[in-house]
N, C-alpha and C. Protein backbone atom coordinates (compact mmCIF):
# COMPACT_ATOMS: atom_id res chain seq x y z
N MET A 1 0.85 -1.19 0.00
CA MET A 1 0.00 0.00 0.00
C MET A 1 0.88 1.24 0.00
N THR A 2 0.70 2.12 -0.97
CA THR A 2 1.50 3.34 -1.08
C THR A 2 0.67 4.52 -0.63
N ASN A 3 1.28 5.40 0.17
CA ASN A 3 0.55 6.54 0.68
C ASN A 3 1.43 7.77 0.56
N ARG A 4 0.92 8.83 -0.06
CA ARG A 4 1.73 10.02 -0.28
C ARG A 4 2.11 10.70 1.03
N PHE A 5 1.33 10.49 2.08
CA PHE A 5 1.67 11.10 3.36
C PHE A 5 2.88 10.41 3.97
N VAL A 6 3.02 9.10 3.76
CA VAL A 6 4.20 8.39 4.24
C VAL A 6 5.43 8.90 3.49
N GLU A 7 5.32 9.07 2.19
CA GLU A 7 6.46 9.50 1.40
C GLU A 7 6.85 10.94 1.73
N ALA A 8 5.90 11.73 2.18
CA ALA A 8 6.18 13.13 2.54
C ALA A 8 6.20 13.29 4.05
N GLU A 9 6.88 12.38 4.73
CA GLU A 9 6.82 12.32 6.18
C GLU A 9 7.36 13.59 6.84
N ASP A 10 8.25 14.33 6.18
CA ASP A 10 8.83 15.52 6.77
C ASP A 10 7.95 16.74 6.58
N ASP A 11 6.81 16.60 5.90
CA ASP A 11 5.90 17.71 5.66
C ASP A 11 4.99 17.85 6.88
N ASP A 12 5.28 18.83 7.77
CA ASP A 12 4.56 18.96 9.03
C ASP A 12 3.08 19.26 8.83
N SER A 13 2.68 19.79 7.66
CA SER A 13 1.29 20.14 7.45
C SER A 13 0.38 18.92 7.45
N ASN A 14 0.94 17.73 7.20
CA ASN A 14 0.13 16.52 7.15
C ASN A 14 0.13 15.74 8.46
N ILE A 15 0.95 16.16 9.42
CA ILE A 15 1.12 15.39 10.64
C ILE A 15 -0.08 15.55 11.56
N VAL A 16 -0.52 14.43 12.11
CA VAL A 16 -1.56 14.43 13.13
C VAL A 16 -0.88 14.11 14.45
N GLU A 17 -0.86 15.06 15.37
CA GLU A 17 -0.24 14.82 16.67
C GLU A 17 -1.12 13.89 17.49
N LEU A 18 -0.55 12.80 17.95
CA LEU A 18 -1.33 11.84 18.71
C LEU A 18 -1.62 12.38 20.11
N PRO A 19 -2.77 12.05 20.64
CA PRO A 19 -3.12 12.56 21.98
C PRO A 19 -2.23 11.98 23.06
N ALA A 20 -2.27 12.59 24.21
CA ALA A 20 -1.39 12.20 25.30
C ALA A 20 -1.79 10.88 25.94
N ARG A 21 -2.81 10.20 25.36
CA ARG A 21 -3.23 8.92 25.95
C ARG A 21 -2.14 7.87 25.84
N TRP A 22 -1.22 8.07 24.86
CA TRP A 22 -0.19 7.06 24.67
C TRP A 22 0.91 7.24 25.68
N GLU A 23 1.74 6.22 25.87
CA GLU A 23 2.68 6.22 26.98
C GLU A 23 3.64 7.41 26.93
N HIS A 24 3.98 7.90 28.10
CA HIS A 24 4.81 9.09 28.21
C HIS A 24 6.27 8.76 27.93
N VAL A 25 7.01 9.75 27.45
CA VAL A 25 8.45 9.63 27.27
C VAL A 25 9.09 10.13 28.55
N ALA A 26 9.81 9.25 29.24
CA ALA A 26 10.40 9.61 30.53
C ALA A 26 11.82 9.06 30.61
N PRO A 27 12.79 9.79 30.07
CA PRO A 27 14.18 9.31 30.09
C PRO A 27 14.65 8.97 31.50
N ARG A 28 15.36 7.88 31.62
CA ARG A 28 15.91 7.48 32.91
C ARG A 28 17.10 8.36 33.28
N HIS A 29 17.34 8.49 34.55
CA HIS A 29 18.53 9.19 35.02
C HIS A 29 19.17 8.39 36.13
N ILE A 30 20.42 8.01 35.95
CA ILE A 30 21.18 7.31 36.98
C ILE A 30 22.31 8.23 37.40
N ALA A 31 22.35 8.59 38.65
CA ALA A 31 23.34 9.52 39.16
C ALA A 31 24.75 8.92 39.02
N PRO A 32 25.76 9.76 38.79
CA PRO A 32 27.14 9.27 38.66
C PRO A 32 27.58 8.41 39.84
N ALA A 33 27.19 8.79 41.05
CA ALA A 33 27.58 8.01 42.22
C ALA A 33 26.98 6.61 42.17
N GLU A 34 25.74 6.52 41.68
CA GLU A 34 25.09 5.22 41.54
C GLU A 34 25.80 4.36 40.49
N LEU A 35 26.16 4.98 39.39
CA LEU A 35 26.87 4.25 38.34
C LEU A 35 28.19 3.68 38.86
N GLU A 36 28.91 4.47 39.64
CA GLU A 36 30.17 3.99 40.21
C GLU A 36 29.93 2.81 41.15
N ARG A 37 28.86 2.87 41.93
CA ARG A 37 28.54 1.77 42.84
C ARG A 37 28.17 0.51 42.06
N PHE A 38 27.38 0.67 41.00
CA PHE A 38 27.01 -0.48 40.18
C PHE A 38 28.25 -1.11 39.53
N GLU A 39 29.18 -0.27 39.08
CA GLU A 39 30.41 -0.79 38.46
C GLU A 39 31.20 -1.63 39.46
N ARG A 40 31.27 -1.17 40.70
CA ARG A 40 32.01 -1.93 41.72
C ARG A 40 31.35 -3.28 41.96
N HIS A 41 30.03 -3.30 42.01
CA HIS A 41 29.33 -4.58 42.21
C HIS A 41 29.55 -5.52 41.03
N LEU A 42 29.50 -4.97 39.82
CA LEU A 42 29.75 -5.81 38.65
C LEU A 42 31.17 -6.35 38.64
N ALA A 43 32.12 -5.53 39.06
CA ALA A 43 33.51 -5.98 39.14
C ALA A 43 33.64 -7.14 40.13
N GLU A 44 32.95 -7.06 41.26
CA GLU A 44 32.99 -8.15 42.24
C GLU A 44 32.42 -9.43 41.65
N ILE A 45 31.31 -9.30 40.93
CA ILE A 45 30.68 -10.48 40.34
C ILE A 45 31.57 -11.10 39.27
N LEU A 46 32.09 -10.27 38.38
CA LEU A 46 32.93 -10.80 37.30
C LEU A 46 34.20 -11.44 37.85
N ASP A 47 34.75 -10.83 38.89
CA ASP A 47 35.95 -11.41 39.53
C ASP A 47 35.62 -12.75 40.16
N ALA A 48 34.47 -12.84 40.83
CA ALA A 48 34.08 -14.10 41.47
C ALA A 48 33.84 -15.20 40.44
N LEU A 49 33.41 -14.82 39.24
CA LEU A 49 33.15 -15.80 38.19
C LEU A 49 34.42 -16.25 37.49
N GLY A 50 35.54 -15.58 37.76
CA GLY A 50 36.82 -16.02 37.20
C GLY A 50 37.49 -15.06 36.25
N MET A 51 36.88 -13.90 35.97
CA MET A 51 37.50 -12.97 35.05
C MET A 51 38.66 -12.24 35.72
N ASP A 52 39.77 -12.16 35.03
CA ASP A 52 40.92 -11.39 35.48
C ASP A 52 40.69 -9.93 35.09
N LEU A 53 40.43 -9.09 36.05
CA LEU A 53 40.11 -7.70 35.77
C LEU A 53 41.33 -6.79 35.77
N ASP A 54 42.51 -7.39 35.82
CA ASP A 54 43.74 -6.59 35.85
C ASP A 54 44.55 -6.78 34.57
N THR A 55 43.86 -6.69 33.43
CA THR A 55 44.54 -6.74 32.13
C THR A 55 44.10 -5.53 31.33
N PRO A 56 44.87 -5.13 30.31
CA PRO A 56 44.47 -3.98 29.50
C PRO A 56 43.09 -4.13 28.88
N GLY A 57 42.71 -5.37 28.58
CA GLY A 57 41.42 -5.58 27.91
C GLY A 57 40.23 -5.66 28.85
N THR A 58 40.48 -5.87 30.15
CA THR A 58 39.37 -6.11 31.07
C THR A 58 39.21 -5.06 32.17
N ARG A 59 40.15 -4.15 32.32
CA ARG A 59 40.05 -3.19 33.42
C ARG A 59 38.78 -2.34 33.34
N ASP A 60 38.34 -2.05 32.14
CA ASP A 60 37.12 -1.24 31.97
C ASP A 60 35.89 -2.08 31.66
N THR A 61 36.01 -3.41 31.76
CA THR A 61 34.88 -4.27 31.42
C THR A 61 33.65 -4.01 32.29
N PRO A 62 33.77 -3.84 33.61
CA PRO A 62 32.56 -3.55 34.39
C PRO A 62 31.83 -2.30 33.92
N ARG A 63 32.58 -1.25 33.57
CA ARG A 63 31.95 -0.03 33.09
C ARG A 63 31.29 -0.27 31.74
N ARG A 64 32.00 -0.96 30.85
CA ARG A 64 31.44 -1.23 29.52
C ARG A 64 30.21 -2.13 29.61
N PHE A 65 30.27 -3.13 30.50
CA PHE A 65 29.14 -4.03 30.68
C PHE A 65 27.91 -3.26 31.16
N LEU A 66 28.11 -2.37 32.12
CA LEU A 66 27.01 -1.57 32.63
C LEU A 66 26.44 -0.68 31.53
N GLN A 67 27.31 -0.04 30.75
CA GLN A 67 26.82 0.83 29.68
C GLN A 67 26.08 0.02 28.63
N ALA A 68 26.54 -1.20 28.35
CA ALA A 68 25.86 -2.06 27.38
C ALA A 68 24.45 -2.40 27.86
N LEU A 69 24.29 -2.63 29.17
CA LEU A 69 22.97 -2.92 29.72
C LEU A 69 22.06 -1.70 29.62
N VAL A 70 22.61 -0.52 29.89
CA VAL A 70 21.81 0.70 29.77
C VAL A 70 21.37 0.90 28.33
N ASP A 71 22.29 0.72 27.39
CA ASP A 71 21.95 0.90 25.97
C ASP A 71 20.92 -0.14 25.51
N SER A 72 21.06 -1.37 25.99
CA SER A 72 20.18 -2.46 25.54
C SER A 72 18.77 -2.35 26.11
N THR A 73 18.59 -1.51 27.13
CA THR A 73 17.27 -1.34 27.74
C THR A 73 16.76 0.09 27.54
N SER A 74 17.18 0.73 26.47
CA SER A 74 16.79 2.12 26.23
C SER A 74 15.30 2.26 25.91
N GLY A 75 14.61 1.15 25.69
CA GLY A 75 13.18 1.21 25.45
C GLY A 75 12.40 1.77 26.63
N TYR A 76 12.96 1.67 27.83
CA TYR A 76 12.30 2.26 29.00
C TYR A 76 12.27 3.78 28.94
N ASP A 77 13.12 4.38 28.11
CA ASP A 77 13.16 5.84 27.98
C ASP A 77 12.02 6.38 27.11
N GLY A 78 11.34 5.50 26.37
CA GLY A 78 10.31 5.95 25.45
C GLY A 78 10.91 6.44 24.14
N ASP A 79 10.06 6.87 23.23
CA ASP A 79 10.49 7.38 21.93
C ASP A 79 9.49 8.42 21.45
N ALA A 80 9.84 9.68 21.61
CA ALA A 80 8.92 10.77 21.26
C ALA A 80 8.59 10.80 19.77
N LYS A 81 9.46 10.25 18.93
CA LYS A 81 9.25 10.33 17.49
C LYS A 81 8.13 9.42 17.00
N ILE A 82 7.67 8.51 17.85
CA ILE A 82 6.56 7.64 17.44
C ILE A 82 5.25 8.40 17.46
N ARG A 83 5.14 9.44 18.25
CA ARG A 83 3.85 10.06 18.52
C ARG A 83 3.40 11.02 17.43
N THR A 84 3.51 10.60 16.19
CA THR A 84 2.94 11.36 15.07
C THR A 84 2.28 10.37 14.12
N ALA A 85 1.20 10.82 13.49
CA ALA A 85 0.48 10.00 12.51
C ALA A 85 0.10 10.89 11.33
N PHE A 86 -0.48 10.27 10.30
CA PHE A 86 -0.84 10.98 9.08
C PHE A 86 -2.25 10.59 8.67
N PRO A 87 -2.97 11.48 8.00
CA PRO A 87 -4.31 11.11 7.51
C PRO A 87 -4.22 9.95 6.52
N ALA A 88 -5.15 9.03 6.60
CA ALA A 88 -5.19 7.93 5.65
C ALA A 88 -5.67 8.43 4.29
N GLU A 89 -5.38 7.67 3.25
CA GLU A 89 -5.81 8.03 1.91
C GLU A 89 -7.34 8.05 1.81
N ARG A 90 -7.99 7.19 2.60
CA ARG A 90 -9.44 7.14 2.59
C ARG A 90 -9.94 7.66 3.93
N PRO A 91 -10.29 8.94 4.01
CA PRO A 91 -10.65 9.54 5.30
C PRO A 91 -11.88 8.94 5.96
N ASP A 92 -12.67 8.17 5.20
CA ASP A 92 -13.84 7.55 5.82
C ASP A 92 -13.46 6.33 6.64
N GLY A 93 -12.17 5.94 6.58
CA GLY A 93 -11.70 4.82 7.37
C GLY A 93 -12.12 3.47 6.84
N VAL A 94 -12.61 3.40 5.61
CA VAL A 94 -13.05 2.14 5.03
C VAL A 94 -11.98 1.61 4.10
N SER A 95 -11.54 0.37 4.32
CA SER A 95 -10.48 -0.22 3.50
C SER A 95 -10.91 -1.62 3.07
N GLY A 96 -10.40 -2.04 1.95
CA GLY A 96 -10.68 -3.38 1.47
C GLY A 96 -9.77 -4.40 2.12
N ARG A 97 -10.02 -5.68 1.85
CA ARG A 97 -9.28 -6.76 2.49
C ARG A 97 -7.81 -6.70 2.19
N HIS A 98 -7.44 -6.24 0.99
CA HIS A 98 -6.04 -6.28 0.58
C HIS A 98 -5.31 -4.97 0.86
N SER A 99 -5.88 -4.10 1.68
CA SER A 99 -5.26 -2.81 1.92
C SER A 99 -4.34 -2.81 3.14
N GLN A 100 -3.97 -3.99 3.64
CA GLN A 100 -3.11 -4.04 4.81
C GLN A 100 -1.72 -3.49 4.47
N VAL A 101 -1.12 -2.84 5.46
CA VAL A 101 0.27 -2.36 5.38
C VAL A 101 1.13 -3.39 6.12
N VAL A 102 2.15 -3.91 5.45
CA VAL A 102 3.03 -4.92 6.05
C VAL A 102 4.46 -4.38 6.06
N GLU A 103 5.10 -4.41 7.22
CA GLU A 103 6.49 -3.99 7.33
C GLU A 103 7.30 -5.12 7.96
N GLY A 104 8.47 -5.40 7.37
CA GLY A 104 9.34 -6.45 7.88
C GLY A 104 10.18 -7.05 6.77
N PRO A 105 11.20 -7.79 7.13
CA PRO A 105 11.57 -8.11 8.50
C PRO A 105 12.21 -6.93 9.23
N ILE A 106 11.82 -6.74 10.48
CA ILE A 106 12.40 -5.73 11.36
C ILE A 106 13.26 -6.46 12.37
N ALA A 107 14.57 -6.28 12.31
CA ALA A 107 15.47 -6.95 13.24
C ALA A 107 15.31 -6.35 14.64
N PHE A 108 15.32 -7.22 15.65
CA PHE A 108 15.26 -6.72 17.02
C PHE A 108 16.15 -7.56 17.93
N PHE A 109 16.58 -6.94 19.01
CA PHE A 109 17.39 -7.59 20.03
C PHE A 109 16.78 -7.22 21.38
N SER A 110 16.62 -8.22 22.25
CA SER A 110 16.01 -7.97 23.54
C SER A 110 16.73 -8.79 24.60
N LEU A 111 16.37 -8.53 25.89
CA LEU A 111 16.94 -9.27 27.01
C LEU A 111 15.81 -9.99 27.73
N CYS A 112 15.95 -11.31 27.84
CA CYS A 112 14.94 -12.11 28.52
C CYS A 112 14.95 -11.77 30.01
N GLU A 113 13.78 -11.52 30.57
CA GLU A 113 13.72 -11.12 31.97
C GLU A 113 13.98 -12.29 32.92
N HIS A 114 13.98 -13.53 32.42
CA HIS A 114 14.21 -14.69 33.28
C HIS A 114 15.68 -14.91 33.59
N HIS A 115 16.55 -14.71 32.60
CA HIS A 115 17.98 -14.94 32.79
C HIS A 115 18.85 -13.75 32.38
N ALA A 116 18.21 -12.67 31.90
CA ALA A 116 18.94 -11.48 31.44
C ALA A 116 19.90 -11.81 30.31
N LEU A 117 19.58 -12.86 29.54
CA LEU A 117 20.35 -13.21 28.36
C LEU A 117 19.59 -12.74 27.12
N PRO A 118 20.30 -12.46 26.03
CA PRO A 118 19.62 -11.92 24.84
C PRO A 118 18.74 -12.93 24.13
N PHE A 119 17.69 -12.43 23.51
CA PHE A 119 17.01 -13.15 22.44
C PHE A 119 16.85 -12.16 21.29
N HIS A 120 16.95 -12.69 20.08
CA HIS A 120 16.97 -11.80 18.92
C HIS A 120 16.31 -12.48 17.74
N GLY A 121 15.80 -11.65 16.84
CA GLY A 121 15.13 -12.21 15.67
C GLY A 121 14.58 -11.12 14.79
N VAL A 122 13.45 -11.44 14.15
CA VAL A 122 12.82 -10.48 13.24
C VAL A 122 11.33 -10.39 13.55
N ALA A 123 10.79 -9.21 13.29
CA ALA A 123 9.37 -8.97 13.47
C ALA A 123 8.74 -8.57 12.14
N TYR A 124 7.51 -8.99 11.94
CA TYR A 124 6.68 -8.54 10.82
C TYR A 124 5.42 -7.94 11.42
N VAL A 125 5.14 -6.70 11.06
CA VAL A 125 4.01 -5.98 11.62
C VAL A 125 3.10 -5.54 10.48
N ALA A 126 1.79 -5.77 10.63
CA ALA A 126 0.83 -5.36 9.62
C ALA A 126 -0.38 -4.73 10.28
N TYR A 127 -1.02 -3.83 9.54
CA TYR A 127 -2.29 -3.29 10.02
C TYR A 127 -3.15 -2.85 8.85
N VAL A 128 -4.46 -2.89 9.07
CA VAL A 128 -5.42 -2.36 8.11
C VAL A 128 -5.78 -0.97 8.60
N PRO A 129 -5.45 0.08 7.86
CA PRO A 129 -5.64 1.45 8.36
C PRO A 129 -7.09 1.79 8.63
N GLY A 130 -7.27 2.66 9.60
CA GLY A 130 -8.56 3.30 9.83
C GLY A 130 -8.50 4.70 9.26
N ARG A 131 -8.60 5.70 10.11
CA ARG A 131 -8.57 7.09 9.65
C ARG A 131 -7.16 7.68 9.64
N GLU A 132 -6.23 7.00 10.31
CA GLU A 132 -4.86 7.50 10.38
C GLU A 132 -3.89 6.37 10.08
N ILE A 133 -2.68 6.76 9.64
CA ILE A 133 -1.60 5.81 9.42
C ILE A 133 -0.35 6.33 10.10
N LEU A 134 0.58 5.42 10.35
CA LEU A 134 1.90 5.79 10.85
C LEU A 134 2.88 5.82 9.70
N GLY A 135 3.89 6.69 9.78
CA GLY A 135 5.00 6.60 8.84
C GLY A 135 5.66 5.24 8.98
N ILE A 136 6.15 4.69 7.88
CA ILE A 136 6.69 3.33 7.90
C ILE A 136 7.80 3.18 8.94
N SER A 137 8.66 4.17 9.09
CA SER A 137 9.75 4.06 10.05
C SER A 137 9.25 3.93 11.48
N LYS A 138 8.03 4.40 11.73
CA LYS A 138 7.48 4.34 13.10
C LYS A 138 7.18 2.91 13.52
N LEU A 139 6.92 2.03 12.55
CA LEU A 139 6.69 0.62 12.90
C LEU A 139 7.97 -0.01 13.42
N THR A 140 9.10 0.32 12.80
CA THR A 140 10.39 -0.16 13.30
C THR A 140 10.66 0.41 14.68
N ARG A 141 10.40 1.70 14.86
CA ARG A 141 10.60 2.32 16.17
C ARG A 141 9.73 1.66 17.24
N LEU A 142 8.51 1.31 16.86
CA LEU A 142 7.58 0.70 17.81
C LEU A 142 8.09 -0.66 18.27
N VAL A 143 8.56 -1.48 17.33
CA VAL A 143 9.11 -2.79 17.69
C VAL A 143 10.29 -2.63 18.64
N ARG A 144 11.19 -1.73 18.31
CA ARG A 144 12.41 -1.60 19.12
C ARG A 144 12.17 -0.89 20.44
N LEU A 145 11.13 -0.08 20.52
CA LEU A 145 10.77 0.54 21.79
C LEU A 145 10.52 -0.52 22.85
N TYR A 146 9.76 -1.56 22.48
CA TYR A 146 9.43 -2.61 23.45
C TYR A 146 10.48 -3.70 23.51
N ALA A 147 11.23 -3.90 22.43
CA ALA A 147 12.27 -4.94 22.43
C ALA A 147 13.43 -4.54 23.33
N ARG A 148 13.73 -3.26 23.41
CA ARG A 148 14.88 -2.81 24.21
C ARG A 148 14.50 -2.65 25.67
N ARG A 149 14.03 -3.74 26.24
CA ARG A 149 13.65 -3.82 27.65
C ARG A 149 13.89 -5.26 28.11
N PHE A 150 13.81 -5.49 29.42
CA PHE A 150 13.75 -6.86 29.91
C PHE A 150 12.32 -7.35 29.68
N THR A 151 12.18 -8.44 28.94
CA THR A 151 10.83 -8.88 28.58
C THR A 151 10.84 -10.35 28.21
N VAL A 152 9.72 -10.84 27.73
CA VAL A 152 9.60 -12.17 27.15
C VAL A 152 8.93 -12.00 25.79
N GLN A 153 9.13 -12.96 24.91
CA GLN A 153 8.65 -12.80 23.54
C GLN A 153 7.13 -12.67 23.48
N GLU A 154 6.44 -13.41 24.34
CA GLU A 154 4.98 -13.34 24.32
C GLU A 154 4.48 -11.93 24.65
N ARG A 155 5.07 -11.32 25.68
CA ARG A 155 4.66 -9.97 26.05
C ARG A 155 5.06 -8.97 24.99
N LEU A 156 6.23 -9.15 24.41
CA LEU A 156 6.71 -8.23 23.38
C LEU A 156 5.71 -8.11 22.24
N GLY A 157 5.23 -9.24 21.74
CA GLY A 157 4.26 -9.20 20.65
C GLY A 157 2.94 -8.56 21.05
N GLU A 158 2.48 -8.87 22.26
CA GLU A 158 1.24 -8.27 22.75
C GLU A 158 1.39 -6.75 22.85
N GLN A 159 2.51 -6.28 23.36
CA GLN A 159 2.71 -4.84 23.54
C GLN A 159 2.76 -4.11 22.20
N ILE A 160 3.45 -4.70 21.22
CA ILE A 160 3.52 -4.07 19.90
C ILE A 160 2.12 -3.96 19.29
N ALA A 161 1.36 -5.05 19.36
CA ALA A 161 0.01 -5.05 18.79
C ALA A 161 -0.89 -4.05 19.49
N ASP A 162 -0.89 -4.06 20.83
CA ASP A 162 -1.77 -3.17 21.58
C ASP A 162 -1.37 -1.71 21.40
N ALA A 163 -0.07 -1.43 21.32
CA ALA A 163 0.37 -0.06 21.12
C ALA A 163 -0.06 0.48 19.77
N LEU A 164 0.02 -0.36 18.73
CA LEU A 164 -0.40 0.09 17.41
C LEU A 164 -1.90 0.37 17.38
N VAL A 165 -2.69 -0.45 18.07
CA VAL A 165 -4.12 -0.20 18.19
C VAL A 165 -4.35 1.15 18.88
N ASP A 166 -3.62 1.40 19.93
CA ASP A 166 -3.80 2.64 20.71
C ASP A 166 -3.34 3.86 19.93
N LEU A 167 -2.31 3.69 19.11
CA LEU A 167 -1.73 4.83 18.40
C LEU A 167 -2.64 5.37 17.30
N VAL A 168 -3.15 4.49 16.43
CA VAL A 168 -3.90 4.98 15.26
C VAL A 168 -5.26 4.31 15.08
N GLU A 169 -5.68 3.50 16.05
CA GLU A 169 -6.99 2.86 15.99
C GLU A 169 -7.27 2.23 14.62
N PRO A 170 -6.40 1.31 14.18
CA PRO A 170 -6.61 0.65 12.89
C PRO A 170 -7.76 -0.34 12.97
N GLN A 171 -8.16 -0.83 11.80
CA GLN A 171 -9.22 -1.84 11.77
C GLN A 171 -8.72 -3.21 12.18
N GLY A 172 -7.42 -3.43 12.08
CA GLY A 172 -6.85 -4.71 12.48
C GLY A 172 -5.34 -4.62 12.56
N VAL A 173 -4.74 -5.50 13.37
CA VAL A 173 -3.28 -5.53 13.56
C VAL A 173 -2.82 -6.98 13.58
N ALA A 174 -1.66 -7.24 12.96
CA ALA A 174 -1.02 -8.55 13.02
C ALA A 174 0.45 -8.35 13.36
N VAL A 175 0.97 -9.18 14.26
CA VAL A 175 2.38 -9.12 14.63
C VAL A 175 2.92 -10.54 14.65
N HIS A 176 4.03 -10.76 13.94
CA HIS A 176 4.66 -12.08 13.86
C HIS A 176 6.11 -11.93 14.28
N LEU A 177 6.54 -12.70 15.30
CA LEU A 177 7.91 -12.65 15.81
C LEU A 177 8.56 -14.01 15.64
N ASP A 178 9.81 -14.01 15.19
CA ASP A 178 10.59 -15.23 15.01
C ASP A 178 11.95 -14.97 15.63
N ALA A 179 12.28 -15.67 16.73
CA ALA A 179 13.48 -15.31 17.48
C ALA A 179 14.22 -16.54 18.00
N ALA A 180 15.52 -16.36 18.21
CA ALA A 180 16.37 -17.34 18.88
C ALA A 180 16.70 -16.83 20.27
N HIS A 181 16.63 -17.73 21.26
CA HIS A 181 16.83 -17.35 22.66
C HIS A 181 18.12 -17.96 23.19
N LEU A 182 19.03 -17.11 23.61
CA LEU A 182 20.31 -17.60 24.11
C LEU A 182 20.16 -18.33 25.44
N CYS A 183 19.06 -18.10 26.16
CA CYS A 183 18.87 -18.81 27.43
C CYS A 183 18.65 -20.30 27.20
N THR A 184 18.21 -20.69 26.00
CA THR A 184 18.07 -22.12 25.68
C THR A 184 19.26 -22.63 24.89
N GLN A 185 20.04 -21.74 24.30
CA GLN A 185 21.18 -22.15 23.46
C GLN A 185 22.49 -22.20 24.24
N MET A 186 22.67 -21.28 25.20
CA MET A 186 23.93 -21.21 25.94
C MET A 186 23.88 -22.00 27.25
N ARG A 187 22.68 -22.32 27.73
CA ARG A 187 22.53 -22.99 29.02
C ARG A 187 21.33 -23.94 28.92
N GLY A 188 20.98 -24.55 30.04
CA GLY A 188 19.79 -25.41 30.05
C GLY A 188 19.90 -26.57 29.07
N VAL A 189 18.96 -26.63 28.12
CA VAL A 189 18.95 -27.74 27.17
C VAL A 189 20.00 -27.60 26.08
N ASN A 190 20.64 -26.44 26.00
CA ASN A 190 21.69 -26.19 24.98
C ASN A 190 21.22 -26.54 23.57
N GLU A 191 20.03 -26.10 23.24
CA GLU A 191 19.46 -26.35 21.92
C GLU A 191 19.92 -25.26 20.97
N GLU A 192 20.90 -25.57 20.12
CA GLU A 192 21.56 -24.56 19.32
C GLU A 192 20.71 -24.02 18.18
N SER A 193 19.78 -24.81 17.66
CA SER A 193 19.07 -24.40 16.44
C SER A 193 17.60 -24.05 16.67
N SER A 194 17.15 -24.07 17.90
CA SER A 194 15.72 -23.84 18.13
C SER A 194 15.36 -22.37 17.93
N ARG A 195 14.13 -22.16 17.47
CA ARG A 195 13.59 -20.81 17.31
C ARG A 195 12.17 -20.79 17.87
N THR A 196 11.78 -19.63 18.34
CA THR A 196 10.44 -19.46 18.90
C THR A 196 9.65 -18.53 17.99
N VAL A 197 8.46 -18.97 17.58
CA VAL A 197 7.62 -18.19 16.67
C VAL A 197 6.31 -17.88 17.39
N THR A 198 5.92 -16.62 17.39
CA THR A 198 4.67 -16.19 18.01
C THR A 198 3.94 -15.25 17.06
N THR A 199 2.62 -15.35 17.03
CA THR A 199 1.80 -14.50 16.16
C THR A 199 0.62 -13.95 16.97
N PHE A 200 0.30 -12.69 16.73
CA PHE A 200 -0.74 -12.01 17.50
C PHE A 200 -1.68 -11.29 16.55
N TRP A 201 -2.99 -11.37 16.85
CA TRP A 201 -4.02 -10.77 15.99
C TRP A 201 -4.85 -9.79 16.79
N ARG A 202 -5.28 -8.73 16.11
CA ARG A 202 -6.22 -7.78 16.69
C ARG A 202 -7.24 -7.38 15.62
N GLY A 203 -8.46 -7.09 16.04
CA GLY A 203 -9.47 -6.55 15.13
C GLY A 203 -9.83 -7.48 13.99
N ARG A 204 -9.78 -6.99 12.76
CA ARG A 204 -10.23 -7.75 11.59
C ARG A 204 -9.43 -9.02 11.37
N TYR A 205 -8.16 -9.04 11.82
CA TYR A 205 -7.38 -10.26 11.66
C TYR A 205 -7.94 -11.39 12.52
N ASP A 206 -8.57 -11.06 13.63
CA ASP A 206 -9.20 -12.09 14.47
C ASP A 206 -10.36 -12.76 13.75
N ASP A 207 -11.06 -12.00 12.91
CA ASP A 207 -12.31 -12.48 12.32
C ASP A 207 -12.17 -12.95 10.87
N ASP A 208 -11.11 -12.54 10.19
CA ASP A 208 -10.99 -12.77 8.75
C ASP A 208 -9.84 -13.73 8.45
N ALA A 209 -10.18 -14.98 8.18
CA ALA A 209 -9.15 -15.99 7.91
C ALA A 209 -8.38 -15.68 6.64
N ASP A 210 -9.04 -15.08 5.65
CA ASP A 210 -8.35 -14.73 4.41
C ASP A 210 -7.30 -13.64 4.67
N LEU A 211 -7.62 -12.69 5.51
CA LEU A 211 -6.67 -11.63 5.84
C LEU A 211 -5.48 -12.19 6.58
N ARG A 212 -5.71 -13.12 7.52
CA ARG A 212 -4.61 -13.77 8.23
C ARG A 212 -3.73 -14.54 7.25
N ARG A 213 -4.36 -15.24 6.31
CA ARG A 213 -3.60 -16.02 5.34
C ARG A 213 -2.77 -15.10 4.43
N ASP A 214 -3.34 -13.98 4.03
CA ASP A 214 -2.60 -13.02 3.20
C ASP A 214 -1.34 -12.55 3.94
N PHE A 215 -1.51 -12.24 5.21
CA PHE A 215 -0.37 -11.76 6.01
C PHE A 215 0.69 -12.84 6.14
N LEU A 216 0.31 -14.05 6.51
CA LEU A 216 1.29 -15.12 6.69
C LEU A 216 1.96 -15.50 5.38
N ASP A 217 1.20 -15.45 4.27
CA ASP A 217 1.80 -15.71 2.95
C ASP A 217 2.86 -14.66 2.64
N GLU A 218 2.57 -13.41 2.99
CA GLU A 218 3.54 -12.33 2.76
C GLU A 218 4.79 -12.53 3.61
N VAL A 219 4.60 -12.96 4.85
CA VAL A 219 5.74 -13.23 5.75
C VAL A 219 6.60 -14.34 5.16
N ARG A 220 5.97 -15.44 4.74
CA ARG A 220 6.71 -16.56 4.17
C ARG A 220 7.46 -16.13 2.90
N SER A 221 6.82 -15.29 2.08
CA SER A 221 7.46 -14.82 0.85
C SER A 221 8.70 -14.00 1.16
N ARG A 222 8.61 -13.16 2.15
CA ARG A 222 9.76 -12.30 2.50
C ARG A 222 10.87 -13.11 3.15
N ARG A 223 10.50 -14.12 3.91
CA ARG A 223 11.53 -14.93 4.57
C ARG A 223 12.28 -15.79 3.56
N SER A 224 11.63 -16.17 2.48
CA SER A 224 12.27 -17.03 1.49
C SER A 224 13.02 -16.26 0.42
N SER A 225 12.84 -14.95 0.37
CA SER A 225 13.48 -14.15 -0.69
C SER A 225 14.91 -13.78 -0.33
């Protein structure tokens, strides 16, 4: 589906500012003294696990590890750039079955809240527009907003789907996630090749089997290309 408002995303005259009902942007702040304390604790843990922290390559590892965790969980800070939408091509909000917007694969990286180990994969997000649409880049931002947190794959998909419903009130939403979890590959059952696939439906996708099939066919086509 092509939309001139998406292509002219920098044209402020077409932007619809989303109401404040959507989640607030609240950047985290960790005081320098707290960061120093966290680094000391991480150094104690890494030392206890066997890491030699007195080498040129490891002296700053506790600081780098802490910064990597902060960067990997930046989704808690929110993303102000998501909170804009554009008028749909059909202002009456009526769309046909084949008018779904599909974006993907969208690469994502997250941290499992059970073991704080990464899981990573790709997301495919689709929606049938109502009266408003999001710029295509906002779908990627939406996936990564929730992926960059401590979470589980099931919740991640639910949050993406529900947020898209809340943002532009589409007629339907579909979210498909395909990910590998290091908590099963590096430890536990040590299953090196396993992947977890989850799919979530909202609105018209719940009721329309043909629409679901169109979406999954598109996902399979993109994965095989």
